């Protein structure tokens, strides 16, 4: 399938910050996506 997001390169451990306010609707550890967060 086509790439449905944007990949940003950064060293492991670099903090990820919320780009805007919201609520965490879910988190998980998935086969393809690995550790994942939804806002």
ModelCIF file with pLDDT and N, C-alpha, C, O atoms, coordinates in Angstrom:
data_MODEL
#
_entry.id   MODEL 
#
_entity.id                         1 
_entity.type                       polymer 
_entity.pdbx_number_of_molecules   1 
#
_entity_poly.entity_id                      1 
_entity_poly.type                           'polypeptide(L)' 
_entity_poly.nstd_linkage                   no 
_entity_poly.nstd_monomer                   no 
_entity_poly.pdbx_seq_one_letter_code       
;(UNK)(UNK)(UNK)(UNK)(UNK)(UNK)(UNK)(UNK)(UNK)(UNK)(UNK)(UNK)(UNK)(UNK)(UNK)(UNK)
(UNK)(UNK)(UNK)(UNK)(UNK)(UNK)(UNK)(UNK)(UNK)(UNK)(UNK)(UNK)(UNK)(UNK)(UNK)(UNK)
(UNK)(UNK)(UNK)(UNK)(UNK)(UNK)(UNK)
;
_entity_poly.pdbx_seq_one_letter_code_can   XXXXXXXXXXXXXXXXXXXXXXXXXXXXXXXXXXXXXXX 
_entity_poly.pdbx_strand_id                 A 
#
loop_
_entity_poly_seq.entity_id 
_entity_poly_seq.num 
_entity_poly_seq.mon_id 
_entity_poly_seq.hetero 
1 1  UNK n 
1 2  UNK n 
1 3  UNK n 
1 4  UNK n 
1 5  UNK n 
1 6  UNK n 
1 7  UNK n 
1 8  UNK n 
1 9  UNK n 
1 10 UNK n 
1 11 UNK n 
1 12 UNK n 
1 13 UNK n 
1 14 UNK n 
1 15 UNK n 
1 16 UNK n 
1 17 UNK n 
1 18 UNK n 
1 19 UNK n 
1 20 UNK n 
1 21 UNK n 
1 22 UNK n 
1 23 UNK n 
1 24 UNK n 
1 25 UNK n 
1 26 UNK n 
1 27 UNK n 
1 28 UNK n 
1 29 UNK n 
1 30 UNK n 
1 31 UNK n 
1 32 UNK n 
1 33 UNK n 
1 34 UNK n 
1 35 UNK n 
1 36 UNK n 
1 37 UNK n 
1 38 UNK n 
1 39 UNK n 
#
_struct_asym.id          A 
_struct_asym.entity_id   1 
#
loop_
_ma_qa_metric.id 
_ma_qa_metric.mode 
_ma_qa_metric.name 
_ma_qa_metric.software_group_id 
_ma_qa_metric.type 
1 global pLDDT . pLDDT 
2 local  pLDDT . pLDDT 
#
_ma_qa_metric_global.metric_id      1 
_ma_qa_metric_global.metric_value   93.74 
_ma_qa_metric_global.model_id       1 
_ma_qa_metric_global.ordinal_id     1 
#
loop_
_ma_qa_metric_local.label_asym_id 
_ma_qa_metric_local.label_comp_id 
_ma_qa_metric_local.label_seq_id 
_ma_qa_metric_local.metric_id 
_ma_qa_metric_local.metric_value 
_ma_qa_metric_local.model_id 
_ma_qa_metric_local.ordinal_id 
A UNK 1  2 67.00 1 1  
A UNK 2  2 73.00 1 2  
A UNK 3  2 75.00 1 3  
A UNK 4  2 87.00 1 4  
A UNK 5  2 92.00 1 5  
A UNK 6  2 94.00 1 6  
A UNK 7  2 93.00 1 7  
A UNK 8  2 96.00 1 8  
A UNK 9  2 95.00 1 9  
A UNK 10 2 96.00 1 10 
A UNK 11 2 97.00 1 11 
A UNK 12 2 97.00 1 12 
A UNK 13 2 97.00 1 13 
A UNK 14 2 98.00 1 14 
A UNK 15 2 98.00 1 15 
A UNK 16 2 98.00 1 16 
A UNK 17 2 98.00 1 17 
A UNK 18 2 98.00 1 18 
A UNK 19 2 97.00 1 19 
A UNK 20 2 96.00 1 20 
A UNK 21 2 97.00 1 21 
A UNK 22 2 97.00 1 22 
A UNK 23 2 97.00 1 23 
A UNK 24 2 97.00 1 24 
A UNK 25 2 96.00 1 25 
A UNK 26 2 96.00 1 26 
A UNK 27 2 97.00 1 27 
A UNK 28 2 95.00 1 28 
A UNK 29 2 95.00 1 29 
A UNK 30 2 95.00 1 30 
A UNK 31 2 90.00 1 31 
A UNK 32 2 86.00 1 32 
A UNK 33 2 93.00 1 33 
A UNK 34 2 95.00 1 34 
A UNK 35 2 97.00 1 35 
A UNK 36 2 97.00 1 36 
A UNK 37 2 98.00 1 37 
A UNK 38 2 98.00 1 38 
A UNK 39 2 98.00 1 39 
#
loop_
_atom_site.group_PDB 
_atom_site.id 
_atom_site.type_symbol 
_atom_site.label_atom_id 
_atom_site.label_alt_id 
_atom_site.label_comp_id 
_atom_site.label_asym_id 
_atom_site.label_entity_id 
_atom_site.label_seq_id 
_atom_site.pdbx_PDB_ins_code 
_atom_site.Cartn_x 
_atom_site.Cartn_y 
_atom_site.Cartn_z 
_atom_site.occupancy 
_atom_site.B_iso_or_equiv 
_atom_site.pdbx_formal_charge 
_atom_site.auth_seq_id 
_atom_site.auth_comp_id 
_atom_site.auth_asym_id 
_atom_site.auth_atom_id 
_atom_site.pdbx_PDB_model_num 
ATOM 1   N N  . UNK A 1 1  ? 0.834  -1.196 0.000  1.00 67.00 ? 1  UNK A N  1 
ATOM 2   C CA . UNK A 1 1  ? 0.000  0.000  0.000  1.00 67.00 ? 1  UNK A CA 1 
ATOM 3   C C  . UNK A 1 1  ? 0.876  1.256  0.000  1.00 67.00 ? 1  UNK A C  1 
ATOM 4   O O  . UNK A 1 1  ? 2.001  1.226  0.497  1.00 67.00 ? 1  UNK A O  1 
ATOM 5   N N  . UNK A 1 2  ? 0.362  2.363  -0.558 1.00 73.00 ? 2  UNK A N  1 
ATOM 6   C CA . UNK A 1 2  ? 1.134  3.617  -0.538 1.00 73.00 ? 2  UNK A CA 1 
ATOM 7   C C  . UNK A 1 2  ? 1.441  4.064  0.883  1.00 73.00 ? 2  UNK A C  1 
ATOM 8   O O  . UNK A 1 2  ? 0.740  3.700  1.826  1.00 73.00 ? 2  UNK A O  1 
ATOM 9   N N  . UNK A 1 3  ? 2.489  4.850  1.023  1.00 75.00 ? 3  UNK A N  1 
ATOM 10  C CA . UNK A 1 3  ? 2.906  5.348  2.331  1.00 75.00 ? 3  UNK A CA 1 
ATOM 11  C C  . UNK A 1 3  ? 1.891  6.377  2.823  1.00 75.00 ? 3  UNK A C  1 
ATOM 12  O O  . UNK A 1 3  ? 1.729  7.436  2.216  1.00 75.00 ? 3  UNK A O  1 
ATOM 13  N N  . UNK A 1 4  ? 1.210  6.063  3.923  1.00 87.00 ? 4  UNK A N  1 
ATOM 14  C CA . UNK A 1 4  ? 0.082  6.882  4.378  1.00 87.00 ? 4  UNK A CA 1 
ATOM 15  C C  . UNK A 1 4  ? 0.459  7.886  5.462  1.00 87.00 ? 4  UNK A C  1 
ATOM 16  O O  . UNK A 1 4  ? -0.413 8.432  6.138  1.00 87.00 ? 4  UNK A O  1 
ATOM 17  N N  . UNK A 1 5  ? 1.759  8.129  5.625  1.00 92.00 ? 5  UNK A N  1 
ATOM 18  C CA . UNK A 1 5  ? 2.214  9.095  6.628  1.00 92.00 ? 5  UNK A CA 1 
ATOM 19  C C  . UNK A 1 5  ? 3.491  9.765  6.185  1.00 92.00 ? 5  UNK A C  1 
ATOM 20  O O  . UNK A 1 5  ? 3.901  9.671  5.028  1.00 92.00 ? 5  UNK A O  1 
ATOM 21  N N  . UNK A 1 6  ? 4.108  10.440 7.127  1.00 94.00 ? 6  UNK A N  1 
ATOM 22  C CA . UNK A 1 6  ? 5.365  11.152 6.892  1.00 94.00 ? 6  UNK A CA 1 
ATOM 23  C C  . UNK A 1 6  ? 6.392  10.581 7.847  1.00 94.00 ? 6  UNK A C  1 
ATOM 24  O O  . UNK A 1 6  ? 6.160  10.548 9.056  1.00 94.00 ? 6  UNK A O  1 
ATOM 25  N N  . UNK A 1 7  ? 7.534  10.126 7.323  1.00 93.00 ? 7  UNK A N  1 
ATOM 26  C CA . UNK A 1 7  ? 8.607  9.602  8.157  1.00 93.00 ? 7  UNK A CA 1 
ATOM 27  C C  . UNK A 1 7  ? 9.615  10.698 8.456  1.00 93.00 ? 7  UNK A C  1 
ATOM 28  O O  . UNK A 1 7  ? 10.121 11.362 7.551  1.00 93.00 ? 7  UNK A O  1 
ATOM 29  N N  . UNK A 1 8  ? 9.901  10.877 9.752  1.00 96.00 ? 8  UNK A N  1 
ATOM 30  C CA . UNK A 1 8  ? 10.885 11.860 10.197 1.00 96.00 ? 8  UNK A CA 1 
ATOM 31  C C  . UNK A 1 8  ? 12.050 11.123 10.842 1.00 96.00 ? 8  UNK A C  1 
ATOM 32  O O  . UNK A 1 8  ? 11.863 10.378 11.804 1.00 96.00 ? 8  UNK A O  1 
ATOM 33  N N  . UNK A 1 9  ? 13.245 11.328 10.317 1.00 95.00 ? 9  UNK A N  1 
ATOM 34  C CA . UNK A 1 9  ? 14.432 10.648 10.833 1.00 95.00 ? 9  UNK A CA 1 
ATOM 35  C C  . UNK A 1 9  ? 14.951 11.369 12.066 1.00 95.00 ? 9  UNK A C  1 
ATOM 36  O O  . UNK A 1 9  ? 15.067 12.594 12.085 1.00 95.00 ? 9  UNK A O  1 
ATOM 37  N N  . UNK A 1 10 ? 15.262 10.588 13.097 1.00 96.00 ? 10 UNK A N  1 
ATOM 38  C CA . UNK A 1 10 ? 15.835 11.149 14.331 1.00 96.00 ? 10 UNK A CA 1 
ATOM 39  C C  . UNK A 1 10 ? 16.457 10.003 15.111 1.00 96.00 ? 10 UNK A C  1 
ATOM 40  O O  . UNK A 1 10 ? 16.028 8.859  14.964 1.00 96.00 ? 10 UNK A O  1 
ATOM 41  N N  . UNK A 1 11 ? 17.454 10.282 15.934 1.00 97.00 ? 11 UNK A N  1 
ATOM 42  C CA . UNK A 1 11 ? 18.087 9.223  16.727 1.00 97.00 ? 11 UNK A CA 1 
ATOM 43  C C  . UNK A 1 11 ? 17.099 8.580  17.699 1.00 97.00 ? 11 UNK A C  1 
ATOM 44  O O  . UNK A 1 11 ? 16.150 9.215  18.160 1.00 97.00 ? 11 UNK A O  1 
ATOM 45  N N  . UNK A 1 12 ? 17.345 7.323  17.991 1.00 97.00 ? 12 UNK A N  1 
ATOM 46  C CA . UNK A 1 12 ? 16.506 6.614  18.960 1.00 97.00 ? 12 UNK A CA 1 
ATOM 47  C C  . UNK A 1 12 ? 16.550 7.340  20.304 1.00 97.00 ? 12 UNK A C  1 
ATOM 48  O O  . UNK A 1 12 ? 17.613 7.738  20.779 1.00 97.00 ? 12 UNK A O  1 
ATOM 49  N N  . UNK A 1 13 ? 15.377 7.501  20.900 1.00 97.00 ? 13 UNK A N  1 
ATOM 50  C CA . UNK A 1 13 ? 15.274 8.192  22.179 1.00 97.00 ? 13 UNK A CA 1 
ATOM 51  C C  . UNK A 1 13 ? 14.919 9.662  22.061 1.00 97.00 ? 13 UNK A C  1 
ATOM 52  O O  . UNK A 1 13 ? 14.649 10.311 23.072 1.00 97.00 ? 13 UNK A O  1 
ATOM 53  N N  . UNK A 1 14 ? 14.914 10.204 20.842 1.00 98.00 ? 14 UNK A N  1 
ATOM 54  C CA . UNK A 1 14 ? 14.530 11.609 20.651 1.00 98.00 ? 14 UNK A CA 1 
ATOM 55  C C  . UNK A 1 14 ? 13.083 11.811 21.096 1.00 98.00 ? 14 UNK A C  1 
ATOM 56  O O  . UNK A 1 14 ? 12.217 11.037 20.687 1.00 98.00 ? 14 UNK A O  1 
ATOM 57  N N  . UNK A 1 15 ? 12.789 12.814 21.913 1.00 98.00 ? 15 UNK A N  1 
ATOM 58  C CA . UNK A 1 15 ? 11.414 13.022 22.371 1.00 98.00 ? 15 UNK A CA 1 
ATOM 59  C C  . UNK A 1 15 ? 10.461 13.326 21.219 1.00 98.00 ? 15 UNK A C  1 
ATOM 60  O O  . UNK A 1 15 ? 10.812 14.036 20.277 1.00 98.00 ? 15 UNK A O  1 
ATOM 61  N N  . UNK A 1 16 ? 9.249  12.778 21.310 1.00 98.00 ? 16 UNK A N  1 
ATOM 62  C CA . UNK A 1 16 ? 8.170  13.064 20.361 1.00 98.00 ? 16 UNK A CA 1 
ATOM 63  C C  . UNK A 1 16 ? 7.155  13.940 21.086 1.00 98.00 ? 16 UNK A C  1 
ATOM 64  O O  . UNK A 1 16 ? 6.698  13.596 22.176 1.00 98.00 ? 16 UNK A O  1 
ATOM 65  N N  . UNK A 1 17 ? 6.806  15.068 20.482 1.00 98.00 ? 17 UNK A N  1 
ATOM 66  C CA . UNK A 1 17 ? 5.915  16.024 21.128 1.00 98.00 ? 17 UNK A CA 1 
ATOM 67  C C  . UNK A 1 17 ? 4.588  16.135 20.381 1.00 98.00 ? 17 UNK A C  1 
ATOM 68  O O  . UNK A 1 17 ? 4.550  16.053 19.153 1.00 98.00 ? 17 UNK A O  1 
ATOM 69  N N  . UNK A 1 18 ? 3.506  16.320 21.125 1.00 98.00 ? 18 UNK A N  1 
ATOM 70  C CA . UNK A 1 18 ? 2.195  16.501 20.513 1.00 98.00 ? 18 UNK A CA 1 
ATOM 71  C C  . UNK A 1 18 ? 2.210  17.751 19.641 1.00 98.00 ? 18 UNK A C  1 
ATOM 72  O O  . UNK A 1 18 ? 2.581  18.824 20.116 1.00 98.00 ? 18 UNK A O  1 
ATOM 73  N N  . UNK A 1 19 ? 1.812  17.633 18.364 1.00 97.00 ? 19 UNK A N  1 
ATOM 74  C CA . UNK A 1 19 ? 1.853  18.790 17.465 1.00 97.00 ? 19 UNK A CA 1 
ATOM 75  C C  . UNK A 1 19 ? 0.717  19.773 17.708 1.00 97.00 ? 19 UNK A C  1 
ATOM 76  O O  . UNK A 1 19 ? 0.765  20.912 17.243 1.00 97.00 ? 19 UNK A O  1 
ATOM 77  N N  . UNK A 1 20 ? -0.316 19.329 18.443 1.00 96.00 ? 20 UNK A N  1 
ATOM 78  C CA . UNK A 1 20 ? -1.456 20.166 18.825 1.00 96.00 ? 20 UNK A CA 1 
ATOM 79  C C  . UNK A 1 20 ? -2.142 19.464 19.989 1.00 96.00 ? 20 UNK A C  1 
ATOM 80  O O  . UNK A 1 20 ? -1.856 18.300 20.269 1.00 96.00 ? 20 UNK A O  1 
ATOM 81  N N  . UNK A 1 21 ? -3.039 20.162 20.662 1.00 97.00 ? 21 UNK A N  1 
ATOM 82  C CA . UNK A 1 21 ? -3.723 19.569 21.799 1.00 97.00 ? 21 UNK A CA 1 
ATOM 83  C C  . UNK A 1 21 ? -4.728 18.507 21.388 1.00 97.00 ? 21 UNK A C  1 
ATOM 84  O O  . UNK A 1 21 ? -5.201 18.480 20.252 1.00 97.00 ? 21 UNK A O  1 
ATOM 85  N N  . UNK A 1 22 ? -5.046 17.628 22.340 1.00 97.00 ? 22 UNK A N  1 
ATOM 86  C CA . UNK A 1 22 ? -6.029 16.578 22.079 1.00 97.00 ? 22 UNK A CA 1 
ATOM 87  C C  . UNK A 1 22 ? -6.064 15.580 23.215 1.00 97.00 ? 22 UNK A C  1 
ATOM 88  O O  . UNK A 1 22 ? -5.557 15.844 24.305 1.00 97.00 ? 22 UNK A O  1 
ATOM 89  N N  . UNK A 1 23 ? -6.659 14.443 22.958 1.00 97.00 ? 23 UNK A N  1 
ATOM 90  C CA . UNK A 1 23 ? -6.763 13.362 23.936 1.00 97.00 ? 23 UNK A CA 1 
ATOM 91  C C  . UNK A 1 23 ? -6.151 12.093 23.355 1.00 97.00 ? 23 UNK A C  1 
ATOM 92  O O  . UNK A 1 23 ? -6.320 11.806 22.170 1.00 97.00 ? 23 UNK A O  1 
ATOM 93  N N  . UNK A 1 24 ? -5.446 11.339 24.177 1.00 97.00 ? 24 UNK A N  1 
ATOM 94  C CA . UNK A 1 24 ? -4.899 10.054 23.747 1.00 97.00 ? 24 UNK A CA 1 
ATOM 95  C C  . UNK A 1 24 ? -6.067 9.077  23.641 1.00 97.00 ? 24 UNK A C  1 
ATOM 96  O O  . UNK A 1 24 ? -6.673 8.703  24.646 1.00 97.00 ? 24 UNK A O  1 
ATOM 97  N N  . UNK A 1 25 ? -6.373 8.672  22.415 1.00 96.00 ? 25 UNK A N  1 
ATOM 98  C CA . UNK A 1 25 ? -7.511 7.765  22.217 1.00 96.00 ? 25 UNK A CA 1 
ATOM 99  C C  . UNK A 1 25 ? -7.109 6.308  22.355 1.00 96.00 ? 25 UNK A C  1 
ATOM 100 O O  . UNK A 1 25 ? -7.934 5.469  22.718 1.00 96.00 ? 25 UNK A O  1 
ATOM 101 N N  . UNK A 1 26 ? -5.833 5.992  22.067 1.00 96.00 ? 26 UNK A N  1 
ATOM 102 C CA . UNK A 1 26 ? -5.375 4.606  22.213 1.00 96.00 ? 26 UNK A CA 1 
ATOM 103 C C  . UNK A 1 26 ? -3.860 4.563  22.088 1.00 96.00 ? 26 UNK A C  1 
ATOM 104 O O  . UNK A 1 26 ? -3.231 5.480  21.558 1.00 96.00 ? 26 UNK A O  1 
ATOM 105 N N  . UNK A 1 27 ? -3.291 3.469  22.593 1.00 97.00 ? 27 UNK A N  1 
ATOM 106 C CA . UNK A 1 27 ? -1.875 3.156  22.413 1.00 97.00 ? 27 UNK A CA 1 
ATOM 107 C C  . UNK A 1 27 ? -1.773 1.660  22.179 1.00 97.00 ? 27 UNK A C  1 
ATOM 108 O O  . UNK A 1 27 ? -2.713 0.922  22.473 1.00 97.00 ? 27 UNK A O  1 
ATOM 109 N N  . UNK A 1 28 ? -0.648 1.205  21.653 1.00 95.00 ? 28 UNK A N  1 
ATOM 110 C CA . UNK A 1 28 ? -0.489 -0.229 21.450 1.00 95.00 ? 28 UNK A CA 1 
ATOM 111 C C  . UNK A 1 28 ? 0.881  -0.575 20.924 1.00 95.00 ? 28 UNK A C  1 
ATOM 112 O O  . UNK A 1 28 ? 1.654  0.299  20.532 1.00 95.00 ? 28 UNK A O  1 
ATOM 113 N N  . UNK A 1 29 ? 1.177  -1.877 20.920 1.00 95.00 ? 29 UNK A N  1 
ATOM 114 C CA . UNK A 1 29 ? 2.415  -2.408 20.342 1.00 95.00 ? 29 UNK A CA 1 
ATOM 115 C C  . UNK A 1 29 ? 1.989  -3.332 19.221 1.00 95.00 ? 29 UNK A C  1 
ATOM 116 O O  . UNK A 1 29 ? 1.502  -4.435 19.471 1.00 95.00 ? 29 UNK A O  1 
ATOM 117 N N  . UNK A 1 30 ? 2.172  -2.883 17.970 1.00 95.00 ? 30 UNK A N  1 
ATOM 118 C CA . UNK A 1 30 ? 1.631  -3.583 16.811 1.00 95.00 ? 30 UNK A CA 1 
ATOM 119 C C  . UNK A 1 30 ? 2.728  -4.234 15.967 1.00 95.00 ? 30 UNK A C  1 
ATOM 120 O O  . UNK A 1 30 ? 3.881  -3.803 15.974 1.00 95.00 ? 30 UNK A O  1 
ATOM 121 N N  . UNK A 1 31 ? 2.341  -5.271 15.248 1.00 90.00 ? 31 UNK A N  1 
ATOM 122 C CA . UNK A 1 31 ? 3.279  -6.074 14.464 1.00 90.00 ? 31 UNK A CA 1 
ATOM 123 C C  . UNK A 1 31 ? 4.065  -5.215 13.473 1.00 90.00 ? 31 UNK A C  1 
ATOM 124 O O  . UNK A 1 31 ? 5.294  -5.277 13.439 1.00 90.00 ? 31 UNK A O  1 
ATOM 125 N N  . UNK A 1 32 ? 3.369  -4.423 12.675 1.00 86.00 ? 32 UNK A N  1 
ATOM 126 C CA . UNK A 1 32 ? 4.032  -3.585 11.671 1.00 86.00 ? 32 UNK A CA 1 
ATOM 127 C C  . UNK A 1 32 ? 4.431  -2.220 12.229 1.00 86.00 ? 32 UNK A C  1 
ATOM 128 O O  . UNK A 1 32 ? 5.523  -1.729 11.941 1.00 86.00 ? 32 UNK A O  1 
ATOM 129 N N  . UNK A 1 33 ? 3.555  -1.604 13.026 1.00 93.00 ? 33 UNK A N  1 
ATOM 130 C CA . UNK A 1 33 ? 3.761  -0.221 13.458 1.00 93.00 ? 33 UNK A CA 1 
ATOM 131 C C  . UNK A 1 33 ? 4.573  -0.088 14.738 1.00 93.00 ? 33 UNK A C  1 
ATOM 132 O O  . UNK A 1 33 ? 4.964  1.022  15.101 1.00 93.00 ? 33 UNK A O  1 
ATOM 133 N N  . UNK A 1 34 ? 4.834  -1.183 15.424 1.00 95.00 ? 34 UNK A N  1 
ATOM 134 C CA . UNK A 1 34 ? 5.570  -1.108 16.678 1.00 95.00 ? 34 UNK A CA 1 
ATOM 135 C C  . UNK A 1 34 ? 4.782  -0.342 17.732 1.00 95.00 ? 34 UNK A C  1 
ATOM 136 O O  . UNK A 1 34 ? 3.553  -0.300 17.684 1.00 95.00 ? 34 UNK A O  1 
ATOM 137 N N  . UNK A 1 35 ? 5.485  0.262  18.683 1.00 97.00 ? 35 UNK A N  1 
ATOM 138 C CA . UNK A 1 35 ? 4.816  1.052  19.724 1.00 97.00 ? 35 UNK A CA 1 
ATOM 139 C C  . UNK A 1 35 ? 4.161  2.281  19.089 1.00 97.00 ? 35 UNK A C  1 
ATOM 140 O O  . UNK A 1 35 ? 4.808  3.054  18.383 1.00 97.00 ? 35 UNK A O  1 
ATOM 141 N N  . UNK A 1 36 ? 2.871  2.440  19.356 1.00 97.00 ? 36 UNK A N  1 
ATOM 142 C CA . UNK A 1 36 ? 2.063  3.428  18.624 1.00 97.00 ? 36 UNK A CA 1 
ATOM 143 C C  . UNK A 1 36 ? 1.170  4.214  19.574 1.00 97.00 ? 36 UNK A C  1 
ATOM 144 O O  . UNK A 1 36 ? 0.679  3.688  20.572 1.00 97.00 ? 36 UNK A O  1 
ATOM 145 N N  . UNK A 1 37 ? 0.968  5.499  19.238 1.00 98.00 ? 37 UNK A N  1 
ATOM 146 C CA . UNK A 1 37 ? 0.074  6.385  19.987 1.00 98.00 ? 37 UNK A CA 1 
ATOM 147 C C  . UNK A 1 37 ? -0.873 7.067  19.011 1.00 98.00 ? 37 UNK A C  1 
ATOM 148 O O  . UNK A 1 37 ? -0.472 7.441  17.910 1.00 98.00 ? 37 UNK A O  1 
ATOM 149 N N  . UNK A 1 38 ? -2.140 7.231  19.416 1.00 98.00 ? 38 UNK A N  1 
ATOM 150 C CA . UNK A 1 38 ? -3.130 7.975  18.639 1.00 98.00 ? 38 UNK A CA 1 
ATOM 151 C C  . UNK A 1 38 ? -3.587 9.176  19.458 1.00 98.00 ? 38 UNK A C  1 
ATOM 152 O O  . UNK A 1 38 ? -3.923 9.036  20.634 1.00 98.00 ? 38 UNK A O  1 
ATOM 153 N N  . UNK A 1 39 ? -3.601 10.354 18.840 1.00 98.00 ? 39 UNK A N  1 
ATOM 154 C CA . UNK A 1 39 ? -4.152 11.553 19.474 1.00 98.00 ? 39 UNK A CA 1 
ATOM 155 C C  . UNK A 1 39 ? -5.403 11.974 18.709 1.00 98.00 ? 39 UNK A C  1 
ATOM 156 O O  . UNK A 1 39 ? -6.039 12.966 19.066 1.00 98.00 ? 39 UNK A O  1 
#
